[in-house]
């Protein structure tokens, strides 16, 4: 399970890096400015969705694992929450429960999306410069 989740996270990160460069080639349209603006917007939205997925998946896994272990989310105390869990899985349940406490996945996604904007601007600028040099070079 650990390797599968690491592979999923790595593939999402690779898609986030590749998207700004691949989107213009996917959108072959007439009118360069429209294509640049459209591809920049679509790559930003795609990357925002990927960041949201990257922020949501760990919380989803933790909640699903806790539910599978028998964790009682409505318990008043730690003893009530851990009552149905086998003793050998209690440490894991406590770690998972503490991992979903604190800032939520929505704040993580918003922060990631805001931090992604400079990368999108730089990547779009590189795509613009490369395509402009190809236009003038030909």
N, C-alpha and C. Protein backbone atom coordinates (compact mmCIF):
# COMPACT_ATOMS: atom_id res chain seq x y z
N UNK A 1 0.82 -1.19 0.00
CA UNK A 1 0.00 0.00 0.00
C UNK A 1 0.86 1.25 0.00
N UNK A 2 1.96 1.20 0.74
CA UNK A 2 2.87 2.35 0.82
C UNK A 2 3.44 2.68 -0.55
N UNK A 3 3.84 1.66 -1.31
CA UNK A 3 4.43 1.89 -2.62
C UNK A 3 3.40 2.41 -3.62
N UNK A 4 2.18 1.92 -3.50
CA UNK A 4 1.14 2.37 -4.40
C UNK A 4 0.80 3.84 -4.14
N UNK A 5 0.68 4.22 -2.89
CA UNK A 5 0.38 5.62 -2.60
C UNK A 5 1.54 6.53 -3.00
N UNK A 6 2.78 6.07 -2.81
CA UNK A 6 3.93 6.86 -3.25
C UNK A 6 3.94 7.02 -4.76
N UNK A 7 3.59 5.97 -5.48
CA UNK A 7 3.53 6.03 -6.94
C UNK A 7 2.44 7.00 -7.40
N UNK A 8 1.32 6.99 -6.72
CA UNK A 8 0.23 7.91 -7.08
C UNK A 8 0.65 9.35 -6.83
N UNK A 9 1.26 9.63 -5.68
CA UNK A 9 1.71 10.99 -5.38
C UNK A 9 2.77 11.45 -6.37
N UNK A 10 3.69 10.56 -6.71
CA UNK A 10 4.75 10.90 -7.66
C UNK A 10 4.16 11.19 -9.04
N UNK A 11 3.20 10.38 -9.47
CA UNK A 11 2.59 10.61 -10.78
C UNK A 11 1.81 11.92 -10.81
N UNK A 12 1.17 12.28 -9.71
CA UNK A 12 0.47 13.56 -9.65
C UNK A 12 1.46 14.71 -9.73
N UNK A 13 2.58 14.60 -9.03
CA UNK A 13 3.60 15.64 -9.09
C UNK A 13 4.18 15.77 -10.50
N UNK A 14 4.42 14.66 -11.16
CA UNK A 14 4.94 14.70 -12.53
C UNK A 14 3.93 15.36 -13.46
N UNK A 15 2.65 15.04 -13.30
CA UNK A 15 1.62 15.67 -14.12
C UNK A 15 1.56 17.17 -13.87
N UNK A 16 1.75 17.60 -12.62
CA UNK A 16 1.75 19.03 -12.33
C UNK A 16 2.91 19.74 -13.00
N UNK A 17 4.06 19.08 -13.08
CA UNK A 17 5.23 19.69 -13.70
C UNK A 17 5.08 19.73 -15.23
N UNK A 18 4.51 18.69 -15.80
CA UNK A 18 4.42 18.57 -17.26
C UNK A 18 3.26 19.37 -17.85
N UNK A 19 2.19 19.54 -17.12
CA UNK A 19 0.97 20.16 -17.64
C UNK A 19 1.18 21.52 -18.30
N UNK A 20 1.90 22.47 -17.71
CA UNK A 20 2.05 23.77 -18.39
C UNK A 20 2.78 23.68 -19.73
N UNK A 21 3.64 22.69 -19.89
CA UNK A 21 4.37 22.55 -21.14
C UNK A 21 3.60 21.71 -22.16
N UNK A 22 2.77 20.80 -21.70
CA UNK A 22 2.03 19.91 -22.60
C UNK A 22 0.72 20.53 -23.08
N UNK A 23 0.15 21.42 -22.31
CA UNK A 23 -1.15 21.97 -22.65
C UNK A 23 -1.13 22.74 -23.98
N UNK A 24 -0.13 23.58 -24.28
CA UNK A 24 -0.15 24.26 -25.59
C UNK A 24 -0.10 23.30 -26.77
N UNK A 25 0.63 22.22 -26.62
CA UNK A 25 0.68 21.26 -27.73
C UNK A 25 -0.63 20.50 -27.87
N UNK A 26 -1.35 20.37 -26.77
CA UNK A 26 -2.66 19.71 -26.83
C UNK A 26 -3.72 20.62 -27.45
N UNK A 27 -3.50 21.91 -27.34
CA UNK A 27 -4.49 22.87 -27.84
C UNK A 27 -3.94 23.59 -29.08
N UNK A 28 -3.95 22.91 -30.18
CA UNK A 28 -3.53 23.53 -31.44
C UNK A 28 -4.69 24.35 -31.98
N UNK A 29 -4.61 25.63 -31.81
CA UNK A 29 -5.68 26.53 -32.27
C UNK A 29 -5.08 27.63 -33.13
N UNK A 30 -5.93 28.26 -33.87
CA UNK A 30 -5.50 29.43 -34.65
C UNK A 30 -5.49 30.63 -33.72
N UNK A 31 -4.59 31.54 -33.95
CA UNK A 31 -4.48 32.71 -33.10
C UNK A 31 -3.62 32.42 -31.89
N UNK A 32 -2.40 32.87 -31.92
CA UNK A 32 -1.44 32.51 -30.88
C UNK A 32 -1.81 33.04 -29.51
N UNK A 33 -2.27 34.30 -29.43
CA UNK A 33 -2.57 34.89 -28.12
C UNK A 33 -3.71 34.14 -27.45
N UNK A 34 -4.74 33.81 -28.22
CA UNK A 34 -5.84 33.06 -27.65
C UNK A 34 -5.37 31.69 -27.16
N UNK A 35 -4.52 31.06 -27.95
CA UNK A 35 -4.01 29.75 -27.57
C UNK A 35 -3.15 29.83 -26.32
N UNK A 36 -2.31 30.86 -26.22
CA UNK A 36 -1.46 31.02 -25.04
C UNK A 36 -2.29 31.28 -23.80
N UNK A 37 -3.26 32.17 -23.90
CA UNK A 37 -4.10 32.47 -22.75
C UNK A 37 -4.95 31.27 -22.36
N UNK A 38 -5.50 30.61 -23.35
CA UNK A 38 -6.34 29.45 -23.07
C UNK A 38 -5.52 28.31 -22.47
N UNK A 39 -4.35 28.06 -23.03
CA UNK A 39 -3.53 26.97 -22.50
C UNK A 39 -3.01 27.30 -21.11
N UNK A 40 -2.68 28.57 -20.85
CA UNK A 40 -2.24 28.95 -19.50
C UNK A 40 -3.36 28.78 -18.49
N UNK A 41 -4.55 29.19 -18.87
CA UNK A 41 -5.70 29.06 -17.97
C UNK A 41 -6.02 27.59 -17.72
N UNK A 42 -6.07 26.79 -18.76
CA UNK A 42 -6.41 25.37 -18.60
C UNK A 42 -5.32 24.61 -17.83
N UNK A 43 -4.06 24.95 -18.05
CA UNK A 43 -3.01 24.28 -17.29
C UNK A 43 -3.06 24.68 -15.82
N UNK A 44 -3.39 25.95 -15.54
CA UNK A 44 -3.53 26.37 -14.14
C UNK A 44 -4.69 25.63 -13.47
N UNK A 45 -5.82 25.52 -14.16
CA UNK A 45 -6.97 24.82 -13.58
C UNK A 45 -6.67 23.33 -13.39
N UNK A 46 -5.98 22.73 -14.34
CA UNK A 46 -5.61 21.33 -14.20
C UNK A 46 -4.68 21.12 -13.02
N UNK A 47 -3.70 22.01 -12.88
CA UNK A 47 -2.76 21.90 -11.76
C UNK A 47 -3.43 22.16 -10.43
N UNK A 48 -4.40 23.06 -10.40
CA UNK A 48 -5.14 23.31 -9.15
C UNK A 48 -5.94 22.06 -8.77
N UNK A 49 -6.54 21.41 -9.75
CA UNK A 49 -7.25 20.16 -9.46
C UNK A 49 -6.29 19.08 -8.97
N UNK A 50 -5.11 19.02 -9.55
CA UNK A 50 -4.12 18.03 -9.10
C UNK A 50 -3.62 18.33 -7.70
N UNK A 51 -3.43 19.62 -7.38
CA UNK A 51 -3.01 20.00 -6.02
C UNK A 51 -4.11 19.65 -5.03
N UNK A 52 -5.36 19.89 -5.41
CA UNK A 52 -6.47 19.53 -4.53
C UNK A 52 -6.51 18.03 -4.29
N UNK A 53 -6.30 17.26 -5.34
CA UNK A 53 -6.25 15.81 -5.19
C UNK A 53 -5.08 15.39 -4.31
N UNK A 54 -3.94 16.03 -4.50
CA UNK A 54 -2.76 15.71 -3.70
C UNK A 54 -2.97 16.05 -2.23
N UNK A 55 -3.75 17.08 -1.93
CA UNK A 55 -4.03 17.44 -0.55
C UNK A 55 -5.11 16.55 0.07
N UNK A 56 -6.04 16.10 -0.75
CA UNK A 56 -7.19 15.34 -0.24
C UNK A 56 -6.88 13.86 -0.01
N UNK A 57 -6.04 13.26 -0.84
CA UNK A 57 -5.80 11.83 -0.77
C UNK A 57 -5.27 11.33 0.58
N UNK A 58 -4.31 12.00 1.23
CA UNK A 58 -3.87 11.49 2.53
C UNK A 58 -4.97 11.49 3.59
N UNK A 59 -5.79 12.53 3.59
CA UNK A 59 -6.91 12.56 4.55
C UNK A 59 -7.94 11.50 4.24
N UNK A 60 -8.20 11.29 2.96
CA UNK A 60 -9.14 10.24 2.57
C UNK A 60 -8.63 8.87 3.00
N UNK A 61 -7.34 8.62 2.77
CA UNK A 61 -6.76 7.33 3.17
C UNK A 61 -6.86 7.16 4.69
N UNK A 62 -6.53 8.20 5.45
CA UNK A 62 -6.56 8.10 6.91
C UNK A 62 -7.98 7.82 7.41
N UNK A 63 -8.96 8.52 6.85
CA UNK A 63 -10.33 8.31 7.29
C UNK A 63 -10.84 6.92 6.91
N UNK A 64 -10.48 6.46 5.70
CA UNK A 64 -10.90 5.12 5.29
C UNK A 64 -10.24 4.05 6.15
N UNK A 65 -8.97 4.22 6.46
CA UNK A 65 -8.26 3.23 7.29
C UNK A 65 -8.83 3.23 8.71
N UNK A 66 -9.09 4.40 9.27
CA UNK A 66 -9.68 4.47 10.61
C UNK A 66 -11.07 3.82 10.63
N UNK A 67 -11.85 4.06 9.59
CA UNK A 67 -13.17 3.45 9.52
C UNK A 67 -13.05 1.93 9.42
N UNK A 68 -12.08 1.46 8.65
CA UNK A 68 -11.86 0.01 8.52
C UNK A 68 -11.42 -0.62 9.84
N UNK A 69 -10.61 0.12 10.61
CA UNK A 69 -10.15 -0.40 11.89
C UNK A 69 -11.25 -0.41 12.95
N UNK A 70 -12.33 0.36 12.73
CA UNK A 70 -13.42 0.40 13.69
C UNK A 70 -13.37 1.63 14.58
N UNK A 71 -12.70 2.66 14.15
CA UNK A 71 -12.57 3.90 14.93
C UNK A 71 -13.93 4.57 15.03
N UNK A 72 -14.28 5.03 16.23
CA UNK A 72 -15.55 5.71 16.46
C UNK A 72 -15.29 7.21 16.43
N UNK A 73 -15.67 7.86 15.34
CA UNK A 73 -15.42 9.30 15.19
C UNK A 73 -16.31 10.14 16.10
N UNK A 74 -17.40 9.55 16.59
CA UNK A 74 -18.32 10.29 17.44
C UNK A 74 -18.05 10.10 18.93
N UNK A 75 -16.98 9.43 19.27
CA UNK A 75 -16.66 9.21 20.67
C UNK A 75 -16.26 10.50 21.38
N UNK A 76 -16.55 10.53 22.68
CA UNK A 76 -16.26 11.74 23.46
C UNK A 76 -14.81 11.80 23.92
N UNK A 77 -14.22 10.67 24.11
CA UNK A 77 -12.83 10.65 24.57
C UNK A 77 -12.04 9.67 23.70
N UNK A 78 -10.73 9.64 23.93
CA UNK A 78 -9.89 8.72 23.17
C UNK A 78 -10.27 7.27 23.47
N UNK A 79 -10.65 6.99 24.70
CA UNK A 79 -11.05 5.63 25.05
C UNK A 79 -12.31 5.21 24.30
N UNK A 80 -13.26 6.12 24.16
CA UNK A 80 -14.49 5.81 23.40
C UNK A 80 -14.18 5.59 21.93
N UNK A 81 -13.30 6.40 21.39
CA UNK A 81 -12.97 6.28 19.97
C UNK A 81 -12.22 4.99 19.65
N UNK A 82 -11.40 4.54 20.58
CA UNK A 82 -10.55 3.37 20.35
C UNK A 82 -11.14 2.06 20.87
N UNK A 83 -12.36 2.09 21.41
CA UNK A 83 -12.95 0.94 22.06
C UNK A 83 -13.05 -0.28 21.15
N UNK A 84 -13.41 -0.12 19.89
CA UNK A 84 -13.64 -1.25 18.98
C UNK A 84 -12.37 -1.70 18.25
N UNK A 85 -11.27 -1.01 18.48
CA UNK A 85 -10.04 -1.31 17.75
C UNK A 85 -9.21 -2.33 18.53
N UNK A 86 -8.66 -3.29 17.80
CA UNK A 86 -7.80 -4.31 18.42
C UNK A 86 -6.55 -3.63 19.00
N UNK A 87 -6.04 -4.13 20.12
CA UNK A 87 -4.90 -3.48 20.78
C UNK A 87 -3.67 -3.31 19.89
N UNK A 88 -3.42 -4.23 18.96
CA UNK A 88 -2.23 -4.12 18.13
C UNK A 88 -2.34 -3.02 17.07
N UNK A 89 -3.57 -2.50 16.84
CA UNK A 89 -3.76 -1.44 15.85
C UNK A 89 -4.03 -0.08 16.48
N UNK A 90 -4.00 0.00 17.79
CA UNK A 90 -4.34 1.27 18.46
C UNK A 90 -3.30 2.36 18.20
N UNK A 91 -2.03 2.00 18.18
CA UNK A 91 -1.00 3.01 17.91
C UNK A 91 -1.17 3.59 16.50
N UNK A 92 -1.44 2.71 15.55
CA UNK A 92 -1.66 3.17 14.17
C UNK A 92 -2.89 4.08 14.10
N UNK A 93 -3.95 3.71 14.80
CA UNK A 93 -5.17 4.51 14.79
C UNK A 93 -4.94 5.88 15.42
N UNK A 94 -4.17 5.91 16.50
CA UNK A 94 -3.88 7.20 17.14
C UNK A 94 -3.07 8.09 16.20
N UNK A 95 -2.07 7.51 15.53
CA UNK A 95 -1.26 8.29 14.58
C UNK A 95 -2.11 8.81 13.42
N UNK A 96 -2.97 7.95 12.89
CA UNK A 96 -3.83 8.39 11.79
C UNK A 96 -4.82 9.46 12.23
N UNK A 97 -5.37 9.31 13.41
CA UNK A 97 -6.32 10.30 13.92
C UNK A 97 -5.63 11.64 14.13
N UNK A 98 -4.44 11.62 14.66
CA UNK A 98 -3.70 12.87 14.86
C UNK A 98 -3.25 13.49 13.54
N UNK A 99 -3.05 12.66 12.52
CA UNK A 99 -2.63 13.20 11.23
C UNK A 99 -3.74 13.98 10.54
N UNK A 100 -5.00 13.64 10.82
CA UNK A 100 -6.08 14.38 10.18
C UNK A 100 -6.53 15.58 11.02
N UNK A 101 -5.96 15.73 12.19
CA UNK A 101 -6.25 16.90 13.01
C UNK A 101 -5.35 18.04 12.55
N UNK A 102 -5.66 19.24 12.94
CA UNK A 102 -4.85 20.39 12.52
C UNK A 102 -5.47 21.04 11.30
N UNK A 103 -4.61 21.58 10.42
CA UNK A 103 -5.18 22.23 9.24
C UNK A 103 -5.75 21.17 8.31
N UNK A 104 -6.86 21.48 7.72
CA UNK A 104 -7.55 20.52 6.88
C UNK A 104 -6.99 20.48 5.47
N UNK A 105 -7.50 19.55 4.70
CA UNK A 105 -7.00 19.40 3.34
C UNK A 105 -7.38 20.60 2.48
N UNK A 106 -8.48 21.29 2.81
CA UNK A 106 -8.86 22.45 2.01
C UNK A 106 -7.84 23.57 2.13
N UNK A 107 -7.36 23.83 3.35
CA UNK A 107 -6.34 24.86 3.52
C UNK A 107 -5.02 24.44 2.87
N UNK A 108 -4.70 23.16 2.93
CA UNK A 108 -3.50 22.66 2.24
C UNK A 108 -3.63 22.86 0.73
N UNK A 109 -4.81 22.59 0.19
CA UNK A 109 -5.02 22.75 -1.25
C UNK A 109 -4.96 24.21 -1.66
N UNK A 110 -5.55 25.08 -0.86
CA UNK A 110 -5.51 26.51 -1.18
C UNK A 110 -4.08 27.03 -1.14
N UNK A 111 -3.33 26.65 -0.12
CA UNK A 111 -1.93 27.07 -0.01
C UNK A 111 -1.11 26.53 -1.18
N UNK A 112 -1.32 25.27 -1.53
CA UNK A 112 -0.60 24.69 -2.67
C UNK A 112 -0.94 25.38 -3.98
N UNK A 113 -2.22 25.73 -4.16
CA UNK A 113 -2.63 26.41 -5.39
C UNK A 113 -2.01 27.81 -5.48
N UNK A 114 -1.95 28.51 -4.37
CA UNK A 114 -1.34 29.84 -4.36
C UNK A 114 0.16 29.74 -4.64
N UNK A 115 0.81 28.75 -4.07
CA UNK A 115 2.24 28.57 -4.31
C UNK A 115 2.53 28.07 -5.72
N UNK A 116 1.53 27.53 -6.40
CA UNK A 116 1.69 27.03 -7.75
C UNK A 116 1.64 28.14 -8.79
N UNK A 117 1.06 29.28 -8.48
CA UNK A 117 0.89 30.36 -9.44
C UNK A 117 2.22 30.86 -10.01
N UNK A 118 3.27 31.11 -9.20
CA UNK A 118 4.54 31.55 -9.82
C UNK A 118 5.11 30.53 -10.79
N UNK A 119 5.01 29.25 -10.48
CA UNK A 119 5.48 28.22 -11.41
C UNK A 119 4.72 28.29 -12.72
N UNK A 120 3.42 28.47 -12.65
CA UNK A 120 2.60 28.56 -13.86
C UNK A 120 3.00 29.77 -14.71
N UNK A 121 3.28 30.89 -14.06
CA UNK A 121 3.69 32.09 -14.79
C UNK A 121 5.03 31.87 -15.48
N UNK A 122 5.98 31.31 -14.77
CA UNK A 122 7.30 31.05 -15.36
C UNK A 122 7.19 30.04 -16.50
N UNK A 123 6.44 28.97 -16.31
CA UNK A 123 6.28 27.96 -17.35
C UNK A 123 5.59 28.52 -18.59
N UNK A 124 4.56 29.33 -18.38
CA UNK A 124 3.88 29.95 -19.52
C UNK A 124 4.81 30.92 -20.25
N UNK A 125 5.65 31.64 -19.49
CA UNK A 125 6.63 32.53 -20.11
C UNK A 125 7.65 31.76 -20.94
N UNK A 126 8.09 30.62 -20.43
CA UNK A 126 9.03 29.79 -21.20
C UNK A 126 8.40 29.26 -22.48
N UNK A 127 7.16 28.82 -22.39
CA UNK A 127 6.46 28.33 -23.57
C UNK A 127 6.29 29.46 -24.58
N UNK A 128 5.98 30.66 -24.10
CA UNK A 128 5.82 31.82 -24.98
C UNK A 128 7.14 32.16 -25.66
N UNK A 129 8.24 32.18 -24.90
CA UNK A 129 9.54 32.52 -25.50
C UNK A 129 9.99 31.48 -26.51
N UNK A 130 9.78 30.21 -26.21
CA UNK A 130 10.19 29.15 -27.14
C UNK A 130 9.37 29.22 -28.42
N UNK A 131 8.07 29.41 -28.30
CA UNK A 131 7.23 29.47 -29.48
C UNK A 131 7.51 30.74 -30.29
N UNK A 132 7.84 31.83 -29.61
CA UNK A 132 8.15 33.09 -30.30
C UNK A 132 9.47 32.94 -31.06
N UNK A 133 10.45 32.28 -30.45
CA UNK A 133 11.72 32.08 -31.14
C UNK A 133 11.57 31.12 -32.32
N UNK A 134 10.69 30.16 -32.23
CA UNK A 134 10.43 29.25 -33.35
C UNK A 134 9.74 30.00 -34.50
N UNK A 135 8.85 30.94 -34.16
CA UNK A 135 8.16 31.73 -35.18
C UNK A 135 9.14 32.60 -35.93
N UNK A 136 10.02 33.29 -35.20
CA UNK A 136 10.98 34.18 -35.83
C UNK A 136 12.11 33.43 -36.51
N UNK A 137 12.43 32.26 -36.02
CA UNK A 137 13.50 31.45 -36.60
C UNK A 137 13.10 30.82 -37.92
N UNK A 138 11.82 30.57 -38.10
CA UNK A 138 11.36 29.89 -39.33
C UNK A 138 11.12 30.84 -40.46
